N, C-alpha and C. Protein backbone atom coordinates (compact mmCIF):
# COMPACT_ATOMS: atom_id res chain seq x y z
N LEU A 1 82.81 93.31 100.40
CA LEU A 1 83.99 92.72 99.78
C LEU A 1 83.62 91.52 98.92
N ASN A 2 82.72 90.69 99.42
CA ASN A 2 82.31 89.52 98.64
C ASN A 2 81.71 89.94 97.31
N ALA A 3 81.00 91.06 97.29
CA ALA A 3 80.37 91.54 96.07
C ALA A 3 81.39 91.98 95.02
N THR A 4 82.60 92.30 95.46
CA THR A 4 83.65 92.72 94.52
C THR A 4 84.67 91.61 94.28
N GLY A 5 84.33 90.40 94.69
CA GLY A 5 85.20 89.26 94.41
C GLY A 5 86.27 88.99 95.44
N HIS A 6 86.18 89.61 96.60
CA HIS A 6 87.17 89.42 97.65
C HIS A 6 86.57 88.61 98.79
N THR A 7 87.13 87.45 99.07
CA THR A 7 86.67 86.63 100.19
C THR A 7 87.22 87.21 101.50
N SER A 8 86.39 87.26 102.52
CA SER A 8 86.82 87.88 103.77
C SER A 8 86.27 87.12 104.97
N ALA A 9 86.88 87.35 106.11
CA ALA A 9 86.41 86.83 107.39
C ALA A 9 86.78 87.85 108.46
N CYS A 10 86.06 87.82 109.57
CA CYS A 10 86.31 88.79 110.65
C CYS A 10 86.90 88.09 111.87
N SER A 11 87.85 88.76 112.50
CA SER A 11 88.44 88.27 113.75
C SER A 11 88.34 89.41 114.76
N PHE A 12 87.69 89.15 115.88
CA PHE A 12 87.47 90.19 116.88
C PHE A 12 88.30 89.91 118.14
N LEU A 13 88.72 90.99 118.78
CA LEU A 13 89.40 90.88 120.06
C LEU A 13 88.83 91.97 120.97
N PHE A 14 88.24 91.55 122.08
CA PHE A 14 87.55 92.49 122.95
C PHE A 14 88.29 92.67 124.28
N ASN A 15 88.13 93.86 124.86
CA ASN A 15 88.55 94.13 126.24
C ASN A 15 90.02 93.80 126.49
N GLU A 16 90.86 94.02 125.50
CA GLU A 16 92.31 93.85 125.67
C GLU A 16 92.90 95.20 126.07
N SER A 17 93.54 95.24 127.24
CA SER A 17 94.03 96.51 127.78
C SER A 17 95.32 96.97 127.12
N LEU A 18 96.02 96.07 126.44
CA LEU A 18 97.32 96.40 125.85
C LEU A 18 97.22 96.32 124.34
N ILE A 19 97.21 97.47 123.66
CA ILE A 19 96.97 97.50 122.22
C ILE A 19 98.08 96.79 121.44
N THR A 20 99.32 96.88 121.92
CA THR A 20 100.41 96.19 121.22
C THR A 20 100.18 94.68 121.22
N ARG A 21 99.81 94.15 122.36
CA ARG A 21 99.56 92.71 122.46
C ARG A 21 98.37 92.30 121.59
N ALA A 22 97.34 93.14 121.57
CA ALA A 22 96.16 92.84 120.75
C ALA A 22 96.52 92.74 119.28
N ARG A 23 97.28 93.70 118.78
CA ARG A 23 97.62 93.68 117.36
C ARG A 23 98.54 92.50 117.03
N ASN A 24 99.46 92.20 117.92
CA ASN A 24 100.34 91.04 117.68
C ASN A 24 99.56 89.74 117.67
N LEU A 25 98.58 89.60 118.57
CA LEU A 25 97.76 88.38 118.60
C LEU A 25 96.92 88.25 117.33
N LEU A 26 96.35 89.36 116.87
CA LEU A 26 95.55 89.32 115.65
C LEU A 26 96.41 88.99 114.44
N ALA A 27 97.62 89.54 114.39
CA ALA A 27 98.53 89.21 113.29
C ALA A 27 98.92 87.73 113.34
N HIS A 28 99.17 87.22 114.54
CA HIS A 28 99.52 85.81 114.71
C HIS A 28 98.40 84.91 114.20
N ASN A 29 97.18 85.21 114.58
CA ASN A 29 96.04 84.40 114.13
C ASN A 29 95.82 84.52 112.63
N PHE A 30 96.03 85.71 112.09
CA PHE A 30 95.90 85.91 110.64
C PHE A 30 96.85 84.99 109.88
N LEU A 31 98.08 84.88 110.36
CA LEU A 31 99.09 84.08 109.65
C LEU A 31 98.80 82.59 109.70
N LYS A 32 97.86 82.18 110.52
CA LYS A 32 97.44 80.77 110.54
C LYS A 32 96.38 80.49 109.49
N THR A 33 95.91 81.52 108.80
CA THR A 33 94.92 81.36 107.73
C THR A 33 95.64 81.42 106.38
N ASP A 34 94.86 81.30 105.30
CA ASP A 34 95.45 81.45 103.97
C ASP A 34 95.03 82.76 103.31
N PHE A 35 94.55 83.73 104.10
CA PHE A 35 94.18 85.03 103.54
C PHE A 35 95.41 85.82 103.12
N THR A 36 95.23 86.71 102.17
CA THR A 36 96.35 87.46 101.59
C THR A 36 96.61 88.78 102.29
N HIS A 37 95.61 89.35 102.98
CA HIS A 37 95.74 90.65 103.62
C HIS A 37 95.13 90.62 105.02
N LEU A 38 95.75 91.37 105.92
CA LEU A 38 95.16 91.65 107.23
C LEU A 38 94.71 93.11 107.23
N PHE A 39 93.46 93.34 107.59
CA PHE A 39 92.92 94.70 107.60
C PHE A 39 92.50 95.05 109.03
N PHE A 40 93.28 95.92 109.67
CA PHE A 40 92.90 96.42 110.99
C PHE A 40 91.84 97.51 110.83
N ILE A 41 90.69 97.34 111.49
CA ILE A 41 89.67 98.39 111.55
C ILE A 41 89.28 98.54 113.02
N ASP A 42 89.69 99.62 113.64
CA ASP A 42 89.37 99.83 115.05
C ASP A 42 87.88 100.12 115.23
N ALA A 43 87.37 99.77 116.39
CA ALA A 43 85.93 99.87 116.66
C ALA A 43 85.43 101.31 116.66
N ASP A 44 86.33 102.29 116.84
CA ASP A 44 85.89 103.68 116.90
C ASP A 44 86.06 104.43 115.58
N ILE A 45 86.28 103.69 114.49
CA ILE A 45 86.46 104.30 113.17
C ILE A 45 85.18 104.19 112.35
N LYS A 46 84.72 105.32 111.81
CA LYS A 46 83.60 105.34 110.87
C LYS A 46 84.17 105.33 109.46
N PHE A 47 83.66 104.44 108.61
CA PHE A 47 84.21 104.34 107.25
C PHE A 47 83.12 103.97 106.26
N ASN A 48 83.43 104.14 104.99
CA ASN A 48 82.55 103.76 103.89
C ASN A 48 83.12 102.49 103.26
N ALA A 49 82.40 101.39 103.38
CA ALA A 49 82.89 100.11 102.88
C ALA A 49 83.17 100.13 101.39
N ASN A 50 82.50 100.99 100.65
CA ASN A 50 82.71 101.05 99.20
C ASN A 50 84.09 101.58 98.82
N GLU A 51 84.78 102.20 99.78
CA GLU A 51 86.12 102.73 99.51
C GLU A 51 87.22 101.71 99.77
N VAL A 52 86.86 100.56 100.34
CA VAL A 52 87.86 99.56 100.71
C VAL A 52 88.41 98.77 99.53
N PRO A 53 87.59 98.28 98.57
CA PRO A 53 88.15 97.48 97.48
C PRO A 53 89.28 98.17 96.72
N MET A 54 89.20 99.48 96.57
CA MET A 54 90.26 100.20 95.87
C MET A 54 91.57 100.15 96.65
N MET A 55 91.50 100.03 97.98
CA MET A 55 92.71 99.88 98.77
C MET A 55 93.36 98.54 98.48
N ILE A 56 92.55 97.49 98.37
CA ILE A 56 93.08 96.17 98.04
C ILE A 56 93.68 96.17 96.64
N ASP A 57 92.94 96.74 95.70
CA ASP A 57 93.37 96.75 94.30
C ASP A 57 94.60 97.61 94.07
N ALA A 58 94.93 98.50 95.02
CA ALA A 58 96.14 99.32 94.89
C ALA A 58 97.40 98.46 94.85
N ASP A 59 97.34 97.27 95.45
CA ASP A 59 98.42 96.28 95.37
C ASP A 59 99.76 96.83 95.88
N VAL A 60 99.72 97.44 97.06
CA VAL A 60 100.95 97.91 97.72
C VAL A 60 101.09 97.18 99.05
N PRO A 61 102.30 97.15 99.63
CA PRO A 61 102.52 96.35 100.84
C PRO A 61 101.66 96.76 102.03
N VAL A 62 101.62 98.06 102.30
CA VAL A 62 100.87 98.60 103.45
C VAL A 62 100.16 99.86 102.99
N ILE A 63 98.85 99.93 103.23
CA ILE A 63 98.10 101.13 102.86
C ILE A 63 97.07 101.41 103.95
N CYS A 64 96.92 102.68 104.29
CA CYS A 64 96.01 103.02 105.37
C CYS A 64 95.12 104.20 104.99
N GLY A 65 93.95 104.22 105.58
CA GLY A 65 93.12 105.40 105.52
C GLY A 65 93.58 106.36 106.61
N ILE A 66 93.57 107.65 106.31
CA ILE A 66 94.05 108.65 107.26
C ILE A 66 92.85 109.24 108.00
N TYR A 67 92.81 109.02 109.31
CA TYR A 67 91.67 109.48 110.10
C TYR A 67 92.09 110.61 111.03
N PRO A 68 91.13 111.43 111.44
CA PRO A 68 91.45 112.54 112.33
C PRO A 68 91.74 112.07 113.75
N LYS A 69 92.64 112.79 114.41
CA LYS A 69 92.83 112.59 115.83
C LYS A 69 91.58 113.07 116.57
N LYS A 70 91.47 112.70 117.83
CA LYS A 70 90.28 113.09 118.61
C LYS A 70 90.45 114.50 119.16
N GLU A 71 90.51 115.42 118.22
CA GLU A 71 90.61 116.83 118.55
C GLU A 71 90.12 117.63 117.34
N ILE A 72 89.79 118.89 117.55
CA ILE A 72 89.37 119.76 116.45
C ILE A 72 90.53 120.69 116.08
N ASN A 73 90.82 120.75 114.81
CA ASN A 73 91.89 121.60 114.31
C ASN A 73 91.35 123.02 114.13
N TRP A 74 91.37 123.78 115.21
CA TRP A 74 90.76 125.10 115.17
C TRP A 74 91.50 126.05 114.24
N LYS A 75 92.79 125.87 114.07
CA LYS A 75 93.52 126.73 113.12
C LYS A 75 93.00 126.51 111.70
N SER A 76 92.77 125.24 111.35
CA SER A 76 92.23 124.94 110.03
C SER A 76 90.83 125.54 109.86
N VAL A 77 90.02 125.46 110.92
CA VAL A 77 88.68 126.04 110.87
C VAL A 77 88.78 127.56 110.68
N LYS A 78 89.67 128.20 111.44
CA LYS A 78 89.86 129.65 111.32
C LYS A 78 90.28 130.03 109.90
N ASP A 79 91.24 129.28 109.35
CA ASP A 79 91.70 129.57 108.00
C ASP A 79 90.58 129.40 106.98
N ALA A 80 89.75 128.37 107.19
CA ALA A 80 88.64 128.12 106.27
C ALA A 80 87.63 129.26 106.32
N VAL A 81 87.33 129.75 107.52
CA VAL A 81 86.40 130.88 107.66
C VAL A 81 86.95 132.11 106.94
N GLU A 82 88.24 132.37 107.13
CA GLU A 82 88.86 133.53 106.49
C GLU A 82 88.89 133.39 104.97
N ASN A 83 88.83 132.15 104.49
CA ASN A 83 88.82 131.91 103.04
C ASN A 83 87.40 131.81 102.48
N GLY A 84 86.41 132.10 103.32
CA GLY A 84 85.05 132.18 102.83
C GLY A 84 84.22 130.92 102.93
N VAL A 85 84.73 129.88 103.58
CA VAL A 85 83.95 128.65 103.76
C VAL A 85 82.84 128.93 104.77
N GLU A 86 81.64 128.47 104.47
CA GLU A 86 80.50 128.81 105.31
C GLU A 86 79.79 127.58 105.86
N GLY A 87 79.08 127.79 106.96
CA GLY A 87 78.13 126.82 107.49
C GLY A 87 78.68 125.43 107.68
N TYR A 88 77.86 124.45 107.25
CA TYR A 88 78.21 123.05 107.47
C TYR A 88 79.45 122.63 106.68
N ASP A 89 79.85 123.40 105.67
CA ASP A 89 81.05 123.06 104.92
C ASP A 89 82.30 123.14 105.79
N LEU A 90 82.21 123.83 106.92
CA LEU A 90 83.37 123.93 107.82
C LEU A 90 83.75 122.59 108.41
N ALA A 91 82.80 121.66 108.49
CA ALA A 91 83.09 120.35 109.08
C ALA A 91 84.22 119.65 108.35
N ALA A 92 84.35 119.91 107.05
CA ALA A 92 85.41 119.27 106.27
C ALA A 92 86.79 119.78 106.64
N HIS A 93 86.86 120.84 107.43
CA HIS A 93 88.14 121.48 107.76
C HIS A 93 88.52 121.31 109.23
N THR A 94 87.84 120.42 109.94
CA THR A 94 88.08 120.29 111.38
C THR A 94 89.15 119.27 111.73
N GLY A 95 89.58 118.46 110.77
CA GLY A 95 90.45 117.33 111.08
C GLY A 95 91.91 117.69 111.27
N SER A 96 92.54 117.06 112.25
CA SER A 96 93.99 117.05 112.42
C SER A 96 94.39 115.59 112.34
N PHE A 97 95.08 115.20 111.29
CA PHE A 97 95.11 113.80 110.88
C PHE A 97 96.30 113.02 111.43
N VAL A 98 96.07 111.73 111.63
CA VAL A 98 97.08 110.81 112.14
C VAL A 98 97.95 110.37 110.97
N VAL A 99 99.01 111.12 110.72
CA VAL A 99 99.89 110.84 109.58
C VAL A 99 101.17 111.64 109.74
N ASN A 100 102.26 111.08 109.25
CA ASN A 100 103.48 111.83 109.01
C ASN A 100 103.82 111.66 107.55
N LEU A 101 104.02 112.77 106.86
CA LEU A 101 104.26 112.73 105.43
C LEU A 101 105.69 112.28 105.14
N LYS A 102 105.91 111.88 103.90
CA LYS A 102 107.21 111.36 103.50
C LYS A 102 108.30 112.40 103.77
N GLY A 103 109.34 111.97 104.49
CA GLY A 103 110.44 112.86 104.81
C GLY A 103 110.09 113.90 105.86
N TYR A 104 108.92 113.72 106.56
CA TYR A 104 108.46 114.67 107.57
C TYR A 104 108.29 116.08 107.00
N THR A 105 107.88 116.16 105.74
CA THR A 105 107.61 117.46 105.15
C THR A 105 106.32 118.04 105.71
N GLY A 106 106.13 119.36 105.55
CA GLY A 106 104.97 120.02 106.13
C GLY A 106 103.68 119.73 105.42
N ASP A 107 103.71 119.64 104.09
CA ASP A 107 102.53 119.28 103.33
C ASP A 107 102.98 118.69 102.01
N VAL A 108 102.04 118.15 101.26
CA VAL A 108 102.38 117.48 100.01
C VAL A 108 101.18 117.55 99.09
N VAL A 109 101.46 117.61 97.79
CA VAL A 109 100.40 117.59 96.79
C VAL A 109 100.26 116.15 96.28
N VAL A 110 99.08 115.59 96.40
CA VAL A 110 98.85 114.22 95.96
C VAL A 110 97.59 114.16 95.11
N ARG A 111 97.51 113.11 94.30
CA ARG A 111 96.29 112.85 93.55
C ARG A 111 95.32 112.07 94.44
N GLY A 112 94.06 112.41 94.35
CA GLY A 112 93.08 111.78 95.23
C GLY A 112 92.68 110.38 94.83
N ASP A 113 93.12 109.91 93.65
CA ASP A 113 92.68 108.61 93.16
C ASP A 113 93.79 107.57 93.12
N ARG A 114 94.92 107.85 93.77
CA ARG A 114 96.00 106.87 93.78
C ARG A 114 96.75 106.93 95.11
N PRO A 115 97.40 105.82 95.49
CA PRO A 115 98.11 105.81 96.78
C PRO A 115 99.22 106.86 96.82
N ALA A 116 99.44 107.39 98.01
CA ALA A 116 100.51 108.36 98.23
C ALA A 116 101.44 107.82 99.30
N GLU A 117 102.73 107.78 99.00
CA GLU A 117 103.68 107.26 99.99
C GLU A 117 103.78 108.23 101.17
N ILE A 118 103.79 107.66 102.37
CA ILE A 118 103.91 108.45 103.60
C ILE A 118 104.98 107.82 104.49
N TRP A 119 105.31 108.50 105.57
CA TRP A 119 106.26 107.95 106.55
C TRP A 119 105.54 107.08 107.58
N ASN A 120 104.46 107.62 108.16
CA ASN A 120 103.73 106.91 109.20
C ASN A 120 102.23 107.11 109.03
N GLY A 121 101.47 106.07 109.33
CA GLY A 121 100.01 106.16 109.35
C GLY A 121 99.47 105.33 110.50
N GLY A 122 98.20 105.50 110.79
CA GLY A 122 97.60 104.80 111.93
C GLY A 122 97.13 103.40 111.59
N THR A 123 97.29 102.48 112.53
CA THR A 123 96.81 101.11 112.33
C THR A 123 95.31 100.99 112.52
N GLY A 124 94.65 102.07 112.92
CA GLY A 124 93.20 102.02 113.11
C GLY A 124 92.42 101.72 111.85
N PHE A 125 93.05 101.91 110.68
CA PHE A 125 92.43 101.58 109.40
C PHE A 125 93.56 101.27 108.43
N MET A 126 94.19 100.12 108.62
CA MET A 126 95.40 99.77 107.88
C MET A 126 95.29 98.38 107.27
N LEU A 127 95.63 98.29 105.98
CA LEU A 127 95.62 97.04 105.22
C LEU A 127 97.06 96.61 104.98
N ILE A 128 97.39 95.38 105.38
CA ILE A 128 98.77 94.90 105.33
C ILE A 128 98.80 93.56 104.58
N LYS A 129 99.69 93.45 103.61
CA LYS A 129 99.84 92.20 102.88
C LYS A 129 100.51 91.14 103.75
N ARG A 130 100.14 89.90 103.51
CA ARG A 130 100.72 88.77 104.24
C ARG A 130 102.25 88.77 104.15
N GLU A 131 102.79 89.05 102.95
CA GLU A 131 104.24 88.95 102.78
C GLU A 131 105.00 89.97 103.61
N VAL A 132 104.34 91.03 104.06
CA VAL A 132 105.00 91.98 104.95
C VAL A 132 105.33 91.30 106.28
N PHE A 133 104.36 90.63 106.86
CA PHE A 133 104.60 89.91 108.12
C PHE A 133 105.62 88.80 107.93
N GLU A 134 105.54 88.11 106.82
CA GLU A 134 106.48 87.01 106.56
C GLU A 134 107.90 87.54 106.41
N ALA A 135 108.06 88.70 105.78
CA ALA A 135 109.39 89.28 105.60
C ALA A 135 109.98 89.78 106.92
N LEU A 136 109.12 90.20 107.84
CA LEU A 136 109.59 90.78 109.10
C LEU A 136 109.69 89.77 110.24
N ALA A 137 109.16 88.58 110.04
CA ALA A 137 109.03 87.61 111.15
C ALA A 137 110.35 87.30 111.83
N ASP A 138 111.44 87.19 111.06
CA ASP A 138 112.73 86.85 111.66
C ASP A 138 113.55 88.10 112.00
N LYS A 139 112.93 89.27 111.91
CA LYS A 139 113.62 90.52 112.19
C LYS A 139 113.07 91.21 113.44
N VAL A 140 112.11 90.57 114.10
CA VAL A 140 111.51 91.14 115.31
C VAL A 140 111.65 90.15 116.46
N PRO A 141 111.62 90.63 117.71
CA PRO A 141 111.64 89.71 118.85
C PRO A 141 110.37 88.86 118.88
N HIS A 142 110.44 87.73 119.58
CA HIS A 142 109.28 86.87 119.80
C HIS A 142 109.08 86.70 121.30
N TYR A 143 107.84 86.48 121.72
CA TYR A 143 107.56 86.27 123.13
C TYR A 143 106.52 85.17 123.29
N ASN A 144 106.43 84.62 124.50
CA ASN A 144 105.45 83.57 124.79
C ASN A 144 104.13 84.20 125.23
N ASN A 145 103.04 83.79 124.60
CA ASN A 145 101.73 84.31 124.98
C ASN A 145 101.34 83.83 126.37
N ASP A 146 100.90 84.77 127.22
CA ASP A 146 100.45 84.40 128.56
C ASP A 146 99.02 84.87 128.82
N VAL A 147 98.27 85.10 127.74
CA VAL A 147 96.89 85.58 127.84
C VAL A 147 95.94 84.42 127.60
N VAL A 148 95.01 84.22 128.51
CA VAL A 148 93.99 83.18 128.34
C VAL A 148 92.91 83.70 127.41
N ASP A 149 92.72 83.02 126.29
CA ASP A 149 91.71 83.40 125.31
C ASP A 149 90.54 82.45 125.43
N VAL A 150 89.41 82.95 125.93
CA VAL A 150 88.27 82.07 126.19
C VAL A 150 87.67 81.51 124.91
N SER A 151 87.97 82.13 123.76
CA SER A 151 87.45 81.60 122.49
C SER A 151 88.21 80.37 122.03
N GLY A 152 89.39 80.16 122.61
CA GLY A 152 90.19 79.00 122.23
C GLY A 152 91.06 79.20 121.01
N SER A 153 91.08 80.42 120.46
CA SER A 153 91.87 80.66 119.24
C SER A 153 93.33 80.96 119.54
N MET A 154 93.67 81.21 120.80
CA MET A 154 95.04 81.51 121.17
C MET A 154 95.47 80.62 122.33
N GLN A 155 96.55 79.89 122.13
CA GLN A 155 97.03 78.95 123.13
C GLN A 155 98.04 79.60 124.06
N MET A 156 97.98 79.24 125.34
CA MET A 156 99.00 79.68 126.29
C MET A 156 100.36 79.17 125.83
N GLY A 157 101.36 80.05 125.89
CA GLY A 157 102.70 79.66 125.50
C GLY A 157 102.98 79.76 124.02
N ALA A 158 102.00 80.18 123.21
CA ALA A 158 102.22 80.31 121.77
C ALA A 158 103.33 81.33 121.50
N ASP A 159 104.13 81.07 120.50
CA ASP A 159 105.24 81.95 120.12
C ASP A 159 104.69 83.09 119.26
N ILE A 160 104.79 84.32 119.76
CA ILE A 160 104.20 85.48 119.11
C ILE A 160 105.29 86.42 118.61
N ALA A 161 105.22 86.80 117.35
CA ALA A 161 106.15 87.79 116.80
C ALA A 161 105.70 89.19 117.22
N GLU A 162 106.65 89.99 117.68
CA GLU A 162 106.33 91.33 118.17
C GLU A 162 106.50 92.36 117.04
N TYR A 163 105.54 92.38 116.14
CA TYR A 163 105.54 93.38 115.07
C TYR A 163 105.17 94.76 115.61
N PHE A 164 104.32 94.77 116.62
CA PHE A 164 103.79 96.03 117.14
C PHE A 164 104.26 96.23 118.58
N THR A 165 104.97 97.32 118.80
CA THR A 165 105.42 97.70 120.13
C THR A 165 105.66 99.20 120.12
N THR A 166 106.09 99.77 121.21
CA THR A 166 106.49 101.17 121.23
C THR A 166 108.01 101.23 121.20
N SER A 167 108.54 102.34 120.71
CA SER A 167 110.00 102.49 120.63
C SER A 167 110.33 103.97 120.55
N ILE A 168 111.61 104.28 120.72
CA ILE A 168 112.09 105.65 120.57
C ILE A 168 112.73 105.78 119.19
N GLU A 169 112.25 106.72 118.41
CA GLU A 169 112.75 106.92 117.06
C GLU A 169 114.14 107.55 117.11
N PRO A 170 115.15 106.89 116.51
CA PRO A 170 116.52 107.41 116.60
C PRO A 170 116.68 108.82 116.04
N GLU A 171 115.99 109.11 114.92
CA GLU A 171 116.18 110.40 114.26
C GLU A 171 115.66 111.58 115.08
N THR A 172 114.60 111.34 115.83
CA THR A 172 113.93 112.45 116.55
C THR A 172 113.95 112.30 118.06
N ASN A 173 114.31 111.12 118.55
CA ASN A 173 114.31 110.80 119.98
C ASN A 173 112.92 110.91 120.60
N ARG A 174 111.88 110.76 119.79
CA ARG A 174 110.52 110.80 120.32
C ARG A 174 109.96 109.39 120.45
N LEU A 175 109.01 109.23 121.36
CA LEU A 175 108.39 107.93 121.59
C LEU A 175 107.37 107.65 120.50
N LEU A 176 107.51 106.51 119.84
CA LEU A 176 106.59 106.12 118.78
C LEU A 176 105.51 105.20 119.32
N SER A 177 104.28 105.45 118.93
CA SER A 177 103.18 104.54 119.23
C SER A 177 103.36 103.26 118.42
N GLU A 178 102.54 102.26 118.71
CA GLU A 178 102.74 100.95 118.07
C GLU A 178 102.55 101.00 116.57
N ASP A 179 101.68 101.88 116.07
CA ASP A 179 101.47 101.96 114.63
C ASP A 179 102.63 102.66 113.94
N TYR A 180 103.12 103.74 114.54
CA TYR A 180 104.26 104.44 113.95
C TYR A 180 105.53 103.59 114.06
N HIS A 181 105.66 102.82 115.13
CA HIS A 181 106.78 101.88 115.23
C HIS A 181 106.73 100.87 114.10
N PHE A 182 105.54 100.32 113.83
CA PHE A 182 105.40 99.35 112.75
C PHE A 182 105.78 99.96 111.41
N CYS A 183 105.37 101.19 111.18
CA CYS A 183 105.73 101.86 109.93
C CYS A 183 107.24 102.06 109.83
N GLN A 184 107.86 102.46 110.94
CA GLN A 184 109.32 102.62 110.94
C GLN A 184 110.01 101.29 110.68
N LEU A 185 109.51 100.22 111.29
CA LEU A 185 110.06 98.89 111.08
C LEU A 185 109.99 98.50 109.61
N CYS A 186 108.85 98.77 108.99
CA CYS A 186 108.69 98.46 107.57
C CYS A 186 109.69 99.25 106.73
N ARG A 187 109.77 100.55 106.95
CA ARG A 187 110.66 101.38 106.15
C ARG A 187 112.12 100.99 106.34
N LYS A 188 112.47 100.57 107.55
CA LYS A 188 113.83 100.12 107.83
C LYS A 188 114.20 98.94 106.96
N HIS A 189 113.22 98.13 106.59
CA HIS A 189 113.45 96.95 105.76
C HIS A 189 112.89 97.13 104.35
N ASP A 190 112.88 98.38 103.90
CA ASP A 190 112.54 98.73 102.51
C ASP A 190 111.12 98.35 102.11
N ILE A 191 110.21 98.40 103.07
CA ILE A 191 108.78 98.18 102.80
C ILE A 191 108.09 99.53 102.89
N LYS A 192 107.50 99.98 101.81
CA LYS A 192 106.92 101.31 101.76
C LYS A 192 105.51 101.34 102.37
N ILE A 193 105.18 102.50 102.93
CA ILE A 193 103.87 102.74 103.54
C ILE A 193 103.12 103.75 102.68
N TYR A 194 101.85 103.47 102.45
CA TYR A 194 101.05 104.36 101.60
C TYR A 194 99.77 104.77 102.31
N ALA A 195 99.27 105.94 101.92
CA ALA A 195 97.95 106.40 102.34
C ALA A 195 96.99 106.30 101.16
N ALA A 196 95.71 106.11 101.47
CA ALA A 196 94.65 106.09 100.47
C ALA A 196 93.89 107.41 100.56
N PRO A 197 94.24 108.41 99.75
CA PRO A 197 93.64 109.74 99.90
C PRO A 197 92.14 109.78 99.63
N TRP A 198 91.62 108.78 98.90
CA TRP A 198 90.19 108.77 98.56
C TRP A 198 89.31 108.30 99.72
N VAL A 199 89.92 107.81 100.78
CA VAL A 199 89.16 107.29 101.92
C VAL A 199 88.88 108.41 102.92
N ASN A 200 87.62 108.57 103.29
CA ASN A 200 87.24 109.55 104.31
C ASN A 200 86.75 108.81 105.56
N LEU A 201 87.35 109.13 106.69
CA LEU A 201 87.07 108.41 107.92
C LEU A 201 86.64 109.36 109.03
N GLY A 202 85.89 108.84 109.97
CA GLY A 202 85.57 109.55 111.20
C GLY A 202 86.15 108.80 112.38
N HIS A 203 86.38 109.50 113.48
CA HIS A 203 87.01 108.91 114.66
C HIS A 203 86.12 109.23 115.87
N MET A 204 85.47 108.22 116.39
CA MET A 204 84.48 108.44 117.44
C MET A 204 85.12 108.56 118.82
N GLY A 205 84.79 109.63 119.50
CA GLY A 205 85.21 109.83 120.88
C GLY A 205 84.06 110.46 121.64
N SER A 206 84.32 111.55 122.34
CA SER A 206 83.24 112.30 122.96
C SER A 206 82.41 113.01 121.90
N TYR A 207 82.90 112.94 120.66
CA TYR A 207 82.30 113.61 119.50
C TYR A 207 82.79 112.83 118.30
N LEU A 208 82.05 112.82 117.18
CA LEU A 208 82.54 112.17 115.97
C LEU A 208 83.50 113.12 115.28
N PHE A 209 84.78 112.92 115.52
CA PHE A 209 85.79 113.79 114.92
C PHE A 209 85.91 113.43 113.45
N ASP A 210 85.76 114.44 112.61
CA ASP A 210 85.62 114.22 111.18
C ASP A 210 86.55 115.16 110.44
N GLY A 211 86.28 115.37 109.18
CA GLY A 211 87.11 116.23 108.35
C GLY A 211 87.51 115.50 107.09
N LYS A 212 87.76 116.23 106.03
CA LYS A 212 88.17 115.63 104.77
C LYS A 212 89.67 115.81 104.60
N LEU A 213 90.35 114.72 104.25
CA LEU A 213 91.79 114.78 104.04
C LEU A 213 92.12 115.66 102.84
N MET A 214 91.33 115.54 101.77
CA MET A 214 91.61 116.26 100.54
C MET A 214 90.79 117.55 100.49
N THR A 215 91.39 118.65 100.93
CA THR A 215 90.78 119.97 100.77
C THR A 215 91.75 120.85 100.01
N THR A 216 91.25 121.87 99.37
CA THR A 216 92.10 122.68 98.50
C THR A 216 92.85 123.77 99.25
N ASP A 217 92.39 124.11 100.46
CA ASP A 217 92.99 125.26 101.14
C ASP A 217 93.63 124.92 102.47
N ALA A 218 93.72 123.64 102.81
CA ALA A 218 94.34 123.26 104.08
C ALA A 218 95.21 122.04 103.88
N PRO A 219 96.54 122.14 104.09
CA PRO A 219 97.41 120.98 103.93
C PRO A 219 97.14 119.94 105.00
N VAL A 220 97.54 118.72 104.72
CA VAL A 220 97.48 117.67 105.72
C VAL A 220 98.49 118.01 106.81
N THR A 221 98.05 118.06 108.06
CA THR A 221 98.96 118.37 109.16
C THR A 221 99.54 117.10 109.75
N GLN A 222 100.74 117.21 110.29
CA GLN A 222 101.41 116.07 110.86
C GLN A 222 101.09 115.94 112.33
N GLU A 223 101.13 114.69 112.81
CA GLU A 223 100.96 114.46 114.25
C GLU A 223 102.22 114.86 114.96
N SER A 224 102.08 115.63 116.01
CA SER A 224 103.25 116.06 116.77
C SER A 224 103.47 115.15 117.96
């Protein structure tokens, strides 16, 4: 980032059992700085740093890289084989991606070199502008921090805005994870969510779950 003219710093949070609390604490600490963007990068995400500056330069409120869930999309693999894809090229077709497309449509045609608006994306690789948090600060509940931070960066009793939590989506009555809740919160207040189709990510679990978002014969699948 420094090589492309972007000043950056890293903030780490280890061994936090509650992901919602972790993201809220990191957002709280971010807002005490003068940085313009908060970039969540989870420890189990493989990424190419050269693809990040274009996400910043996209100049949209929220933009995320779309990474595969920790599973293999065998239907996509089967379809690829039937379409003549061979050998190691099949790896590009294994992903089942953490995304809901705009309007919950089944698939969408997008350009690979520009942001594409989506409904929900994962916070595991998400870039958020400062003004998003500032706009939402008085629209979310606040709670008192009760976590002892041995680094000294978080004080007991600090007032924390709850940007990230779980909730039940009114339209579908399904339980939303903290990242999808955040996306719904943004959209509720007219803040659009975008995906960066040019970003290719891996998701480390018992296996490095991979796959390319932009393939010609397999649409992006939605998380169920």
